[in-house]
Amino acid sequence: MNKNVLLLTISQVFGFTAATITVFLSGIIGSQITSIKFLSTLPTAIYVVGTAIFTILAARIMSKIGRRLGFIFAAFGSSAASLLGAFAISQQNFILFCVSCLILGMGAAFNHQYRFAAAESVEKEKVPKAISILMLAGIFAAFLGISSANYTKNLIPDHLYMGSYLLLAAFTFMPAIFLFFYKNNETTKIEFNNKYSGRRLFEIISQPKFLQAVVASAFAYAVMSYLMTATPMSMHLMEKMSLEKTGLVLQLHVAAMFLPSLITGNLIKKFGHSNVIYIGVLFLVVTIILSLFENSYANYMVALIFLGLGWNFLFISGTSLVVLTYKEEEKFKAQGINDLIVFSTMALASLSAGISLSLTSWTTMNLLCIPFLVLIVYSSFRADILSKK
């Protein structure tokens, strides 16, 4: 682990609390400050939409000003958005709370570039391990964010959860301090213009391995986001389980998302990207099968753990594979379009989660994920066949 990877990992611990707290609380807060119940998960979905619509611009900005200033800029913006969220809660203003989540999502578009920055800080053969180390920070972010948000929810009398967002403002500011010491690579600043020497965008995208990487990452995030967004609503509001139990399930889910990162990089190196992707799909199949049984606390816990495991295998495989499909001068363009596709797909899944849960059931939502898994398997199988020709 070099200095850059270490700084990025520490920053990820604090920066990722925006995602964990948003998923944990925004749907519940939304249900309290809007009378239209199927819009309860809209703030969560808007967070993802903010990430999706800002991915290309985040990559473009970083190509101009470098990784360090881009990450610091995002930290300031996310902290300000958290303060706006606290104010919205105090005023019971649903629209303002959605705006806060949108800006937090925009900040996340920069934070998702951490994994590419980590990959650029090491040699090519060490990329999967560098990404895995970075992803481990998500475990600490999950327990730090969710536990702290739960602990501070009553910090401000008469304004439930306002204290949680005041704390989030402090957490999301922390990366600005650590990343002040981050050092841009000499090749980081690459201009976005028509004179660069890389391939055309269509040529990059049409590569079977690039498509395999994007499909694995995008649909892994779509399935995970679709089910995770609905979990707090399904457990706490529909099944009447306590907020503490709901929070623990989400914490274990996020731990399952990131803890396998200790070995995922080594598994990819030993067995190849495609085989790890197939295992990830099997984990998601287990999640779907579990939904066919009783909606008990234990069932939610085991299902969400397998959901996290499946996401980890698919997303790390996809991310480390996409890095191998472009040249140095193409990286910001390729990374930008990759994240645009991944997080746009995730945004659509999050947007539909609340409506799906209100119109159908937890079991039906799980069954609707099957076509996505089929597409992941097909794209990987196709890439493997074409690469052998």
Protein backbone atom coordinates (compact mmCIF):
# COMPACT_ATOMS: atom_id res chain seq x y z
CA MET A 1 0.00 0.00 0.00
CA ASN A 2 1.56 3.31 -1.07
CA LYS A 3 0.76 6.78 0.25
CA ASN A 4 -1.94 7.55 -2.32
CA VAL A 5 -3.80 4.28 -1.77
CA LEU A 6 -3.63 4.80 2.01
CA LEU A 7 -5.02 8.35 1.77
CA LEU A 8 -7.78 7.23 -0.59
CA THR A 9 -8.72 4.36 1.71
CA ILE A 10 -8.99 6.59 4.79
CA SER A 11 -10.98 9.14 2.80
CA GLN A 12 -13.30 6.39 1.59
CA VAL A 13 -14.16 5.54 5.21
CA PHE A 14 -15.57 9.03 5.77
CA GLY A 15 -16.77 9.81 2.25
CA PHE A 16 -18.79 6.60 1.90
CA THR A 17 -20.81 7.41 5.04
CA ALA A 18 -22.92 9.61 2.75
CA ALA A 19 -24.07 6.51 0.88
CA THR A 20 -24.68 4.36 3.97
CA ILE A 21 -26.59 7.06 5.87
CA THR A 22 -28.61 7.99 2.77
CA VAL A 23 -29.68 4.40 2.18
CA PHE A 24 -30.38 3.85 5.89
CA LEU A 25 -32.37 6.99 6.64
CA SER A 26 -33.52 8.87 3.56
CA GLY A 27 -36.43 6.53 2.79
CA ILE A 28 -37.62 6.64 6.39
CA ILE A 29 -37.22 10.42 6.55
CA GLY A 30 -38.99 10.71 3.22
CA SER A 31 -41.97 8.74 4.56
CA GLN A 32 -42.22 11.17 7.48
CA ILE A 33 -42.12 14.44 5.55
CA THR A 34 -44.28 13.55 2.53
CA SER A 35 -47.89 12.43 2.49
CA ILE A 36 -47.41 10.53 -0.80
CA LYS A 37 -46.07 7.23 0.48
CA PHE A 38 -44.80 5.77 -2.80
CA LEU A 39 -42.47 8.78 -3.02
CA SER A 40 -40.80 7.83 0.26
CA THR A 41 -37.75 6.30 -1.44
CA LEU A 42 -37.45 9.19 -3.92
CA PRO A 43 -34.65 10.91 -1.92
CA THR A 44 -32.63 7.67 -2.02
CA ALA A 45 -33.21 7.33 -5.74
CA ILE A 46 -32.37 10.99 -6.37
CA TYR A 47 -29.05 10.44 -4.58
CA VAL A 48 -28.24 7.77 -7.16
CA VAL A 49 -29.54 9.98 -10.00
CA GLY A 50 -27.15 12.71 -8.86
CA THR A 51 -24.29 10.23 -9.07
CA ALA A 52 -25.36 9.06 -12.52
CA ILE A 53 -25.81 12.47 -14.15
CA PHE A 54 -22.54 13.83 -12.76
CA THR A 55 -20.21 10.94 -13.62
CA ILE A 56 -19.04 12.30 -16.99
CA LEU A 57 -18.63 15.83 -15.63
CA ALA A 58 -16.72 14.54 -12.59
CA ALA A 59 -14.26 12.74 -14.86
CA ARG A 60 -13.98 15.81 -17.07
CA ILE A 61 -13.32 18.13 -14.14
CA MET A 62 -10.63 15.82 -12.81
CA SER A 63 -8.99 15.70 -16.22
CA LYS A 64 -8.64 19.48 -15.97
CA ILE A 65 -7.74 20.09 -12.32
CA GLY A 66 -6.41 16.69 -11.23
CA ARG A 67 -7.62 14.08 -8.79
CA ARG A 68 -6.63 15.93 -5.59
CA LEU A 69 -8.54 19.15 -6.20
CA GLY A 70 -11.48 17.20 -7.62
CA PHE A 71 -11.79 15.08 -4.48
CA ILE A 72 -11.41 18.12 -2.18
CA PHE A 73 -14.08 20.00 -4.14
CA ALA A 74 -16.43 17.03 -3.71
CA ALA A 75 -15.80 16.93 0.05
CA PHE A 76 -16.77 20.58 0.46
CA GLY A 77 -19.89 20.10 -1.67
CA SER A 78 -21.00 16.96 0.19
CA SER A 79 -20.54 18.63 3.57
CA ALA A 80 -22.63 21.62 2.48
CA ALA A 81 -25.31 19.28 1.10
CA SER A 82 -25.47 17.46 4.45
CA LEU A 83 -26.08 20.76 6.24
CA LEU A 84 -28.82 21.50 3.72
CA GLY A 85 -30.34 18.10 4.50
CA ALA A 86 -30.33 18.89 8.24
CA PHE A 87 -32.07 22.19 7.54
CA ALA A 88 -34.64 20.46 5.31
CA ILE A 89 -35.44 18.00 8.09
CA SER A 90 -35.92 20.86 10.57
CA GLN A 91 -38.34 22.52 8.15
CA GLN A 92 -40.05 19.25 7.13
CA ASN A 93 -39.35 20.25 3.53
CA PHE A 94 -39.43 17.20 1.26
CA ILE A 95 -38.29 19.01 -1.90
CA LEU A 96 -35.33 20.62 -0.14
CA PHE A 97 -34.37 17.24 1.32
CA CYS A 98 -34.42 15.76 -2.20
CA VAL A 99 -32.14 18.59 -3.39
CA SER A 100 -29.75 17.74 -0.56
CA CYS A 101 -29.69 14.09 -1.64
CA LEU A 102 -29.12 15.13 -5.26
CA ILE A 103 -26.03 17.17 -4.33
CA LEU A 104 -24.75 14.35 -2.10
CA GLY A 105 -25.10 12.06 -5.10
CA MET A 106 -23.09 14.49 -7.22
CA GLY A 107 -20.35 14.37 -4.61
CA ALA A 108 -20.47 10.59 -4.75
CA ALA A 109 -19.72 10.76 -8.49
CA PHE A 110 -16.29 12.11 -7.54
CA ASN A 111 -15.86 9.63 -4.70
CA HIS A 112 -16.50 6.72 -7.05
CA GLN A 113 -13.36 7.83 -8.88
CA TYR A 114 -11.35 6.75 -5.82
CA ARG A 115 -11.12 3.24 -7.23
CA PHE A 116 -9.65 4.48 -10.51
CA ALA A 117 -7.24 6.75 -8.63
CA ALA A 118 -6.14 3.73 -6.59
CA ALA A 119 -5.68 1.69 -9.78
CA GLU A 120 -3.53 4.46 -11.25
CA SER A 121 -1.32 4.49 -8.15
CA VAL A 122 -0.02 0.92 -8.63
CA GLU A 123 1.33 -1.34 -11.36
CA LYS A 124 -1.20 -3.05 -13.67
CA GLU A 125 -0.81 -6.47 -12.06
CA LYS A 126 -1.62 -4.99 -8.64
CA VAL A 127 -4.81 -3.20 -9.73
CA PRO A 128 -7.32 -5.81 -8.38
CA LYS A 129 -5.61 -5.82 -4.98
CA ALA A 130 -5.43 -2.00 -4.81
CA ILE A 131 -9.14 -1.76 -5.60
CA SER A 132 -9.90 -4.47 -3.05
CA ILE A 133 -7.98 -2.61 -0.32
CA LEU A 134 -9.88 0.56 -1.11
CA MET A 135 -13.22 -1.24 -1.04
CA LEU A 136 -12.51 -2.58 2.45
CA ALA A 137 -13.02 0.96 3.72
CA GLY A 138 -16.71 0.50 3.01
CA ILE A 139 -17.00 -1.84 6.00
CA PHE A 140 -15.79 0.82 8.40
CA ALA A 141 -17.98 3.40 6.64
CA ALA A 142 -21.05 1.20 7.10
CA PHE A 143 -20.60 0.70 10.83
CA LEU A 144 -19.37 4.25 11.43
CA GLY A 145 -22.15 5.86 9.39
CA ILE A 146 -25.15 3.77 10.41
CA SER A 147 -24.21 3.45 14.10
CA SER A 148 -23.40 7.14 14.42
CA ALA A 149 -26.56 8.17 12.56
CA ASN A 150 -28.65 6.00 14.86
CA TYR A 151 -26.88 7.34 17.95
CA THR A 152 -27.30 11.02 16.99
CA LYS A 153 -30.85 10.82 15.57
CA ASN A 154 -32.28 12.48 18.71
CA LEU A 155 -29.43 14.97 19.12
CA ILE A 156 -31.67 17.92 18.21
CA PRO A 157 -34.91 17.90 20.27
CA ASP A 158 -38.13 17.85 18.22
CA HIS A 159 -36.18 17.26 14.98
CA LEU A 160 -35.63 13.51 14.60
CA TYR A 161 -32.62 12.63 12.37
CA MET A 162 -31.44 16.24 12.05
CA GLY A 163 -28.46 15.40 14.26
CA SER A 164 -27.59 12.50 11.95
CA TYR A 165 -27.16 14.88 9.03
CA LEU A 166 -25.17 17.38 11.07
CA LEU A 167 -22.78 14.53 11.86
CA LEU A 168 -22.71 13.56 8.18
CA ALA A 169 -21.57 17.10 7.35
CA ALA A 170 -18.51 16.54 9.56
CA PHE A 171 -17.82 13.08 8.13
CA THR A 172 -18.01 14.15 4.48
CA PHE A 173 -15.66 17.08 5.13
CA MET A 174 -12.88 14.82 6.46
CA PRO A 175 -11.60 13.64 3.03
CA ALA A 176 -10.69 17.25 2.21
CA ILE A 177 -8.17 17.14 5.05
CA PHE A 178 -6.61 13.80 4.13
CA LEU A 179 -6.58 14.33 0.36
CA PHE A 180 -4.76 17.62 0.74
CA PHE A 181 -1.68 15.37 0.99
CA TYR A 182 -2.64 13.26 -2.05
CA LYS A 183 -0.19 13.52 -4.95
CA ASN A 184 -1.51 13.62 -8.51
CA ASN A 185 0.17 11.24 -10.93
CA GLU A 186 2.08 13.03 -13.68
CA THR A 187 -0.24 11.55 -16.31
CA THR A 188 -3.48 12.47 -14.51
CA LYS A 189 -4.23 15.66 -16.41
CA ILE A 190 -5.32 14.63 -19.89
CA GLU A 191 -7.31 17.11 -21.90
CA PHE A 192 -10.77 16.26 -23.18
CA ASN A 193 -10.61 17.51 -26.76
CA ASN A 194 -10.81 16.29 -30.33
CA LYS A 195 -7.04 16.08 -30.75
CA TYR A 196 -6.25 13.31 -28.32
CA SER A 197 -4.63 10.19 -29.77
CA GLY A 198 -6.96 7.58 -28.30
CA ARG A 199 -9.63 5.52 -30.03
CA ARG A 200 -13.15 6.66 -30.69
CA LEU A 201 -15.64 6.09 -27.89
CA PHE A 202 -17.66 3.55 -29.90
CA GLU A 203 -14.51 1.52 -30.55
CA ILE A 204 -13.75 1.39 -26.83
CA ILE A 205 -17.31 0.49 -25.83
CA SER A 206 -17.72 -2.20 -28.48
CA GLN A 207 -14.92 -4.34 -27.05
CA PRO A 208 -16.43 -7.59 -25.66
CA LYS A 209 -14.38 -7.32 -22.47
CA PHE A 210 -15.45 -3.70 -21.94
CA LEU A 211 -19.08 -4.70 -22.39
CA GLN A 212 -18.60 -7.63 -20.01
CA ALA A 213 -17.09 -5.32 -17.39
CA VAL A 214 -19.83 -2.69 -17.70
CA VAL A 215 -22.68 -5.21 -17.68
CA ALA A 216 -21.28 -6.99 -14.60
CA SER A 217 -20.81 -3.72 -12.70
CA ALA A 218 -24.03 -2.05 -13.85
CA PHE A 219 -26.42 -4.93 -13.16
CA ALA A 220 -24.65 -5.83 -9.92
CA TYR A 221 -25.29 -2.29 -8.75
CA ALA A 222 -28.84 -2.32 -10.16
CA VAL A 223 -29.86 -5.51 -8.31
CA MET A 224 -28.10 -4.44 -5.12
CA SER A 225 -29.53 -0.91 -5.16
CA TYR A 226 -33.03 -2.08 -6.11
CA LEU A 227 -33.25 -4.48 -3.16
CA MET A 228 -31.21 -2.46 -0.66
CA THR A 229 -33.28 0.70 -1.23
CA ALA A 230 -36.46 -1.25 -0.49
CA THR A 231 -35.07 -3.08 2.57
CA PRO A 232 -35.54 -0.33 5.22
CA MET A 233 -39.10 0.29 3.97
CA SER A 234 -39.92 -3.41 3.82
CA MET A 235 -38.45 -4.24 7.24
CA HIS A 236 -39.21 -1.14 9.32
CA LEU A 237 -42.44 0.19 7.83
CA MET A 238 -44.14 -2.89 6.37
CA GLU A 239 -42.91 -5.72 8.62
CA LYS A 240 -42.77 -3.43 11.71
CA MET A 241 -39.25 -4.46 12.68
CA SER A 242 -37.24 -2.06 14.84
CA LEU A 243 -34.90 0.54 13.40
CA GLU A 244 -32.04 -1.13 15.30
CA LYS A 245 -32.71 -4.48 13.59
CA THR A 246 -33.05 -2.77 10.22
CA GLY A 247 -29.77 -0.93 10.77
CA LEU A 248 -27.94 -4.12 11.76
CA VAL A 249 -29.14 -5.91 8.62
CA LEU A 250 -27.87 -3.03 6.48
CA GLN A 251 -24.57 -2.95 8.36
CA LEU A 252 -24.00 -6.65 7.80
CA HIS A 253 -25.06 -6.22 4.18
CA VAL A 254 -22.46 -3.48 3.62
CA ALA A 255 -19.87 -5.55 5.48
CA ALA A 256 -20.62 -8.41 3.08
CA MET A 257 -20.22 -5.95 0.20
CA PHE A 258 -16.69 -5.04 1.22
CA LEU A 259 -15.20 -7.70 3.52
CA PRO A 260 -14.61 -10.21 0.67
CA SER A 261 -12.31 -7.58 -0.84
CA LEU A 262 -9.61 -9.18 1.31
CA ILE A 263 -9.60 -12.11 -1.11
CA THR A 264 -11.48 -10.97 -4.24
CA GLY A 265 -8.38 -9.53 -5.87
CA ASN A 266 -6.45 -12.77 -5.32
CA LEU A 267 -9.38 -14.85 -6.59
CA ILE A 268 -9.51 -12.79 -9.79
CA LYS A 269 -5.76 -13.23 -10.26
CA LYS A 270 -6.01 -16.99 -9.74
CA PHE A 271 -9.28 -17.91 -11.47
CA GLY A 272 -9.87 -15.01 -13.87
CA HIS A 273 -12.51 -12.29 -14.06
CA SER A 274 -15.25 -14.40 -15.65
CA ASN A 275 -15.16 -17.21 -13.11
CA VAL A 276 -15.42 -14.76 -10.23
CA ILE A 277 -18.33 -13.08 -12.02
CA TYR A 278 -20.15 -16.43 -12.31
CA ILE A 279 -19.70 -17.00 -8.56
CA GLY A 280 -21.10 -13.53 -7.90
CA VAL A 281 -24.20 -14.39 -9.92
CA LEU A 282 -24.68 -17.58 -7.86
CA PHE A 283 -24.64 -15.51 -4.66
CA LEU A 284 -27.40 -13.28 -6.05
CA VAL A 285 -29.40 -16.37 -7.00
CA VAL A 286 -29.29 -17.41 -3.32
CA THR A 287 -30.71 -13.99 -2.36
CA ILE A 288 -33.62 -14.47 -4.76
CA ILE A 289 -34.33 -18.00 -3.53
CA LEU A 290 -34.43 -16.82 0.10
CA SER A 291 -37.14 -14.29 -0.78
CA LEU A 292 -39.51 -17.18 -1.49
CA PHE A 293 -39.61 -18.00 2.24
CA GLU A 294 -41.05 -16.12 5.22
CA ASN A 295 -40.04 -12.46 5.58
CA SER A 296 -38.38 -12.95 8.97
CA TYR A 297 -35.54 -10.97 10.52
CA ALA A 298 -33.10 -13.86 9.98
CA ASN A 299 -34.22 -14.25 6.35
CA TYR A 300 -33.61 -10.57 5.59
CA MET A 301 -30.20 -10.78 7.24
CA VAL A 302 -28.98 -13.83 5.29
CA ALA A 303 -30.47 -12.58 2.02
CA LEU A 304 -28.82 -9.16 2.35
CA ILE A 305 -25.49 -10.77 3.22
CA PHE A 306 -25.57 -12.83 0.01
CA LEU A 307 -26.68 -9.72 -1.88
CA GLY A 308 -23.54 -7.97 -0.62
CA LEU A 309 -21.29 -10.90 -1.49
CA GLY A 310 -22.67 -11.07 -5.02
CA TRP A 311 -22.20 -7.34 -5.53
CA ASN A 312 -18.59 -7.52 -4.34
CA PHE A 313 -17.56 -10.30 -6.72
CA LEU A 314 -19.30 -8.68 -9.67
CA PHE A 315 -18.32 -5.07 -9.07
CA ILE A 316 -14.64 -5.64 -8.28
CA SER A 317 -14.35 -8.01 -11.24
CA GLY A 318 -16.00 -5.46 -13.52
CA THR A 319 -13.94 -2.53 -12.26
CA SER A 320 -10.58 -4.33 -12.47
CA LEU A 321 -11.49 -5.68 -15.92
CA VAL A 322 -12.50 -2.32 -17.40
CA VAL A 323 -9.10 -0.89 -16.41
CA LEU A 324 -7.50 -3.38 -18.82
CA THR A 325 -9.59 -2.26 -21.82
CA TYR A 326 -8.32 1.27 -22.44
CA LYS A 327 -5.09 3.14 -23.04
CA GLU A 328 -3.66 5.82 -20.74
CA GLU A 329 -4.88 8.69 -22.93
CA GLU A 330 -8.38 7.16 -23.05
CA LYS A 331 -8.84 6.62 -19.31
CA PHE A 332 -11.01 9.60 -18.38
CA LYS A 333 -13.30 9.06 -21.35
CA ALA A 334 -13.58 5.30 -20.70
CA GLN A 335 -14.00 5.73 -16.94
CA GLY A 336 -16.62 8.43 -17.45
CA ILE A 337 -18.79 6.38 -19.81
CA ASN A 338 -18.36 3.30 -17.60
CA ASP A 339 -19.63 5.15 -14.53
CA LEU A 340 -22.39 6.86 -16.51
CA ILE A 341 -23.78 3.48 -17.60
CA VAL A 342 -23.27 1.85 -14.19
CA PHE A 343 -24.87 4.58 -12.11
CA SER A 344 -27.62 5.41 -14.61
CA THR A 345 -28.67 1.76 -14.40
CA MET A 346 -28.43 1.95 -10.62
CA ALA A 347 -30.51 5.15 -10.60
CA LEU A 348 -33.31 3.55 -12.60
CA ALA A 349 -33.30 0.59 -10.21
CA SER A 350 -33.45 2.87 -7.15
CA LEU A 351 -36.21 5.00 -8.65
CA SER A 352 -38.35 1.95 -9.25
CA ALA A 353 -37.73 0.36 -5.83
CA GLY A 354 -40.31 2.33 -3.87
CA ILE A 355 -42.99 1.97 -6.53
CA SER A 356 -42.28 -1.76 -6.95
CA LEU A 357 -42.53 -2.40 -3.23
CA SER A 358 -45.81 -0.47 -2.91
CA LEU A 359 -47.36 -2.24 -5.91
CA THR A 360 -45.97 -5.76 -5.52
CA SER A 361 -44.07 -7.54 -2.74
CA TRP A 362 -40.56 -8.30 -1.51
CA THR A 363 -40.68 -11.70 -3.21
CA THR A 364 -41.80 -10.27 -6.56
CA MET A 365 -39.07 -7.63 -6.44
CA ASN A 366 -36.48 -10.36 -6.06
CA LEU A 367 -37.88 -12.40 -8.93
CA LEU A 368 -37.77 -9.34 -11.20
CA CYS A 369 -33.96 -9.37 -10.84
CA ILE A 370 -33.54 -12.69 -12.68
CA PRO A 371 -33.28 -11.18 -16.22
CA PHE A 372 -30.36 -9.01 -15.06
CA LEU A 373 -28.46 -12.08 -13.90
CA VAL A 374 -29.08 -13.78 -17.23
CA LEU A 375 -27.59 -10.77 -19.05
CA ILE A 376 -24.48 -10.83 -16.84
CA VAL A 377 -23.88 -14.50 -17.59
CA TYR A 378 -24.51 -14.00 -21.32
CA SER A 379 -22.11 -11.03 -21.65
CA SER A 380 -19.35 -12.91 -19.79
CA PHE A 381 -19.83 -16.08 -21.83
CA ARG A 382 -19.82 -14.07 -25.06
CA ALA A 383 -16.63 -12.20 -24.10
CA ASP A 384 -14.88 -15.47 -23.23
CA ILE A 385 -15.86 -17.06 -26.56
CA LEU A 386 -14.81 -14.06 -28.65
CA SER A 387 -11.50 -13.66 -26.81
CA LYS A 388 -10.53 -17.21 -27.78
CA LYS A 389 -11.04 -16.61 -31.52
